[in-house]
Amino acid sequence: MRTTLTLDDDVVDALKERAQRLDQSFKQVVNDALRRGLSPVAAESRPPYRVSPHHSGFRTGVDPLRLNQLNDELQADGFVSEEPK
């Protein structure tokens, strides 16, 4: 089937470069790119990203329930020491 498409210049350049690199026709490269883009397998071809958790415990003496205590104390001291305007 013949049809007319308007492609952006950067897309045309990329397709022409690929056609030259693969030694294929422009038509073949466009059809292959469209098939890959329309294929539902294309989106699933990458393996899922995996995270490897590791233990990152606190040092002895650090209470994780009181991590913001120093920050709170510094803010309270700053509030008390501010001069009235």
N, C-alpha and C. Protein backbone atom coordinates (compact mmCIF):
# COMPACT_ATOMS: atom_id res chain seq x y z
N MET A 1 0.85 -1.18 0.00
CA MET A 1 0.00 0.00 0.00
C MET A 1 0.89 1.24 0.00
N ARG A 2 0.49 2.18 -0.76
CA ARG A 2 1.22 3.44 -0.81
C ARG A 2 0.47 4.46 0.02
N THR A 3 1.25 5.26 0.75
CA THR A 3 0.66 6.35 1.53
C THR A 3 1.69 7.45 1.65
N THR A 4 1.26 8.63 2.00
CA THR A 4 2.16 9.77 2.17
C THR A 4 2.25 10.11 3.63
N LEU A 5 3.48 10.20 4.13
CA LEU A 5 3.74 10.58 5.52
C LEU A 5 4.60 11.83 5.54
N THR A 6 4.40 12.65 6.55
CA THR A 6 5.28 13.78 6.78
C THR A 6 6.09 13.46 8.02
N LEU A 7 7.40 13.31 7.85
CA LEU A 7 8.29 12.96 8.95
C LEU A 7 9.14 14.15 9.34
N ASP A 8 9.44 14.25 10.60
CA ASP A 8 10.35 15.30 11.06
C ASP A 8 11.75 15.05 10.51
N ASP A 9 12.50 16.14 10.33
CA ASP A 9 13.84 16.04 9.74
C ASP A 9 14.76 15.12 10.52
N ASP A 10 14.70 15.19 11.86
CA ASP A 10 15.59 14.35 12.66
C ASP A 10 15.25 12.87 12.51
N VAL A 11 13.96 12.56 12.31
CA VAL A 11 13.55 11.17 12.11
C VAL A 11 14.04 10.67 10.77
N VAL A 12 13.92 11.49 9.74
CA VAL A 12 14.40 11.11 8.41
C VAL A 12 15.90 10.87 8.44
N ASP A 13 16.62 11.77 9.11
CA ASP A 13 18.08 11.61 9.20
C ASP A 13 18.45 10.31 9.89
N ALA A 14 17.76 9.99 10.99
CA ALA A 14 18.06 8.76 11.72
C ALA A 14 17.73 7.53 10.88
N LEU A 15 16.62 7.58 10.15
CA LEU A 15 16.24 6.45 9.30
C LEU A 15 17.22 6.26 8.14
N LYS A 16 17.64 7.37 7.53
CA LYS A 16 18.61 7.28 6.44
C LYS A 16 19.94 6.74 6.94
N GLU A 17 20.36 7.19 8.11
CA GLU A 17 21.64 6.73 8.67
C GLU A 17 21.57 5.24 8.96
N ARG A 18 20.45 4.78 9.50
CA ARG A 18 20.28 3.36 9.79
C ARG A 18 20.24 2.53 8.51
N ALA A 19 19.54 3.05 7.49
CA ALA A 19 19.48 2.34 6.21
C ALA A 19 20.87 2.18 5.62
N GLN A 20 21.66 3.21 5.70
CA GLN A 20 23.02 3.14 5.16
C GLN A 20 23.87 2.18 5.99
N ARG A 21 23.76 2.26 7.31
CA ARG A 21 24.57 1.41 8.19
C ARG A 21 24.21 -0.06 8.03
N LEU A 22 22.92 -0.38 7.85
CA LEU A 22 22.49 -1.76 7.71
C LEU A 22 22.48 -2.23 6.25
N ASP A 23 22.79 -1.31 5.34
CA ASP A 23 22.79 -1.61 3.90
C ASP A 23 21.42 -2.15 3.48
N GLN A 24 20.37 -1.41 3.88
CA GLN A 24 19.00 -1.76 3.52
C GLN A 24 18.36 -0.54 2.88
N SER A 25 17.21 -0.77 2.25
CA SER A 25 16.49 0.35 1.64
C SER A 25 15.81 1.18 2.72
N PHE A 26 15.55 2.43 2.37
CA PHE A 26 14.86 3.33 3.29
C PHE A 26 13.49 2.76 3.65
N LYS A 27 12.79 2.22 2.65
CA LYS A 27 11.47 1.64 2.85
C LYS A 27 11.53 0.49 3.86
N GLN A 28 12.52 -0.37 3.73
CA GLN A 28 12.64 -1.52 4.64
C GLN A 28 12.91 -1.05 6.07
N VAL A 29 13.76 -0.06 6.23
CA VAL A 29 14.08 0.45 7.56
C VAL A 29 12.86 1.09 8.21
N VAL A 30 12.09 1.84 7.43
CA VAL A 30 10.87 2.47 7.96
C VAL A 30 9.87 1.40 8.38
N ASN A 31 9.65 0.39 7.54
CA ASN A 31 8.71 -0.67 7.87
C ASN A 31 9.15 -1.44 9.11
N ASP A 32 10.44 -1.75 9.22
CA ASP A 32 10.94 -2.46 10.40
C ASP A 32 10.76 -1.63 11.67
N ALA A 33 11.04 -0.34 11.57
CA ALA A 33 10.90 0.54 12.73
C ALA A 33 9.43 0.63 13.17
N LEU A 34 8.54 0.73 12.21
CA LEU A 34 7.11 0.79 12.55
C LEU A 34 6.64 -0.53 13.16
N ARG A 35 7.10 -1.64 12.61
CA ARG A 35 6.71 -2.94 13.19
C ARG A 35 7.19 -3.07 14.63
N ARG A 36 8.44 -2.70 14.87
CA ARG A 36 8.97 -2.78 16.24
C ARG A 36 8.21 -1.86 17.18
N GLY A 37 7.89 -0.67 16.71
CA GLY A 37 7.18 0.29 17.55
C GLY A 37 5.75 -0.13 17.86
N LEU A 38 5.12 -0.82 16.93
CA LEU A 38 3.73 -1.25 17.11
C LEU A 38 3.61 -2.59 17.81
N SER A 39 4.69 -3.30 17.94
CA SER A 39 4.66 -4.62 18.55
C SER A 39 4.52 -4.52 20.06
N PRO A 40 3.59 -5.27 20.65
CA PRO A 40 3.45 -5.23 22.12
C PRO A 40 4.64 -5.85 22.82
N VAL A 41 5.40 -6.68 22.12
CA VAL A 41 6.58 -7.31 22.70
C VAL A 41 7.69 -6.28 22.89
N ALA A 42 7.70 -5.24 22.09
CA ALA A 42 8.77 -4.24 22.16
C ALA A 42 8.82 -3.59 23.55
N ALA A 43 7.67 -3.32 24.12
CA ALA A 43 7.65 -2.68 25.43
C ALA A 43 8.07 -3.64 26.54
N GLU A 44 7.91 -4.93 26.31
CA GLU A 44 8.22 -5.92 27.32
C GLU A 44 9.59 -6.57 27.13
N SER A 45 10.36 -6.12 26.16
CA SER A 45 11.61 -6.79 25.84
C SER A 45 12.70 -6.56 26.88
N ARG A 46 12.62 -5.50 27.63
CA ARG A 46 13.63 -5.23 28.66
C ARG A 46 13.32 -6.03 29.91
N PRO A 47 14.36 -6.54 30.55
CA PRO A 47 14.11 -7.23 31.82
C PRO A 47 13.69 -6.21 32.88
N PRO A 48 12.87 -6.61 33.83
CA PRO A 48 12.44 -5.66 34.86
C PRO A 48 13.62 -5.22 35.72
N TYR A 49 13.55 -4.00 36.18
CA TYR A 49 14.60 -3.44 37.03
C TYR A 49 14.51 -4.09 38.40
N ARG A 50 15.62 -4.57 38.90
CA ARG A 50 15.67 -5.23 40.20
C ARG A 50 16.51 -4.42 41.17
N VAL A 51 16.05 -4.34 42.40
CA VAL A 51 16.78 -3.67 43.47
C VAL A 51 17.30 -4.73 44.42
N SER A 52 18.56 -4.62 44.77
CA SER A 52 19.14 -5.56 45.73
C SER A 52 19.27 -4.86 47.08
N PRO A 53 18.36 -5.16 48.01
CA PRO A 53 18.43 -4.49 49.31
C PRO A 53 19.61 -5.03 50.13
N HIS A 54 20.11 -4.19 51.00
CA HIS A 54 21.16 -4.61 51.91
C HIS A 54 20.91 -3.99 53.29
N HIS A 55 21.44 -4.62 54.29
CA HIS A 55 21.24 -4.15 55.65
C HIS A 55 22.05 -2.87 55.87
N SER A 56 21.42 -1.86 56.37
CA SER A 56 22.12 -0.61 56.66
C SER A 56 21.69 -0.13 58.05
N GLY A 57 21.97 -0.94 59.00
CA GLY A 57 21.58 -0.63 60.38
C GLY A 57 22.32 0.57 60.94
N PHE A 58 21.79 1.11 62.02
CA PHE A 58 22.41 2.25 62.67
C PHE A 58 23.54 1.79 63.59
N ARG A 59 24.44 2.70 63.84
CA ARG A 59 25.53 2.40 64.78
C ARG A 59 24.97 2.24 66.19
N THR A 60 25.73 1.58 67.00
CA THR A 60 25.34 1.38 68.39
C THR A 60 25.15 2.73 69.06
N GLY A 61 24.06 2.88 69.77
CA GLY A 61 23.79 4.12 70.48
C GLY A 61 22.87 5.07 69.74
N VAL A 62 22.61 4.84 68.46
CA VAL A 62 21.73 5.70 67.69
C VAL A 62 20.31 5.14 67.79
N ASP A 63 19.41 5.95 68.29
CA ASP A 63 18.02 5.54 68.44
C ASP A 63 17.25 6.04 67.22
N PRO A 64 16.81 5.14 66.33
CA PRO A 64 16.12 5.59 65.12
C PRO A 64 14.81 6.32 65.40
N LEU A 65 14.27 6.16 66.58
CA LEU A 65 13.03 6.86 66.92
C LEU A 65 13.28 8.31 67.34
N ARG A 66 14.56 8.68 67.52
CA ARG A 66 14.87 10.04 67.97
C ARG A 66 15.80 10.75 67.00
N LEU A 67 15.73 10.42 65.72
CA LEU A 67 16.65 11.00 64.74
C LEU A 67 16.46 12.51 64.56
N ASN A 68 15.28 13.01 64.75
CA ASN A 68 15.03 14.44 64.56
C ASN A 68 15.19 15.25 65.83
N GLN A 69 15.60 14.62 66.92
CA GLN A 69 15.69 15.33 68.19
C GLN A 69 16.67 16.50 68.12
N LEU A 70 17.88 16.29 67.58
CA LEU A 70 18.87 17.36 67.49
C LEU A 70 18.34 18.49 66.64
N ASN A 71 17.72 18.19 65.52
CA ASN A 71 17.15 19.22 64.66
C ASN A 71 16.09 20.02 65.40
N ASP A 72 15.23 19.34 66.13
CA ASP A 72 14.19 20.02 66.90
C ASP A 72 14.79 20.92 67.96
N GLU A 73 15.83 20.43 68.62
CA GLU A 73 16.47 21.23 69.67
C GLU A 73 17.13 22.48 69.08
N LEU A 74 17.78 22.33 67.93
CA LEU A 74 18.43 23.48 67.29
C LEU A 74 17.39 24.50 66.83
N GLN A 75 16.27 24.03 66.30
CA GLN A 75 15.22 24.95 65.88
C GLN A 75 14.62 25.67 67.10
N ALA A 76 14.42 24.97 68.18
CA ALA A 76 13.87 25.59 69.39
C ALA A 76 14.84 26.61 69.95
N ASP A 77 16.15 26.29 69.98
CA ASP A 77 17.14 27.25 70.46
C ASP A 77 17.17 28.48 69.58
N GLY A 78 17.07 28.29 68.26
CA GLY A 78 17.07 29.42 67.33
C GLY A 78 15.84 30.29 67.51
N PHE A 79 14.71 29.67 67.80
CA PHE A 79 13.47 30.42 67.99
C PHE A 79 13.56 31.25 69.28
N VAL A 80 14.12 30.67 70.33
CA VAL A 80 14.22 31.36 71.60
C VAL A 80 15.22 32.51 71.52
N SER A 81 16.31 32.32 70.79
CA SER A 81 17.36 33.33 70.74
C SER A 81 17.09 34.45 69.75
N GLU A 82 16.03 34.35 68.95
CA GLU A 82 15.70 35.42 67.99
C GLU A 82 15.26 36.65 68.73
N GLU A 83 15.73 37.79 68.23
CA GLU A 83 15.33 39.05 68.84
C GLU A 83 13.97 39.47 68.28
N PRO A 84 13.12 40.03 69.11
CA PRO A 84 11.82 40.48 68.62
C PRO A 84 12.02 41.63 67.60
N LYS A 85 11.16 41.67 66.62
CA LYS A 85 11.29 42.72 65.58
C LYS A 85 10.46 43.91 65.92
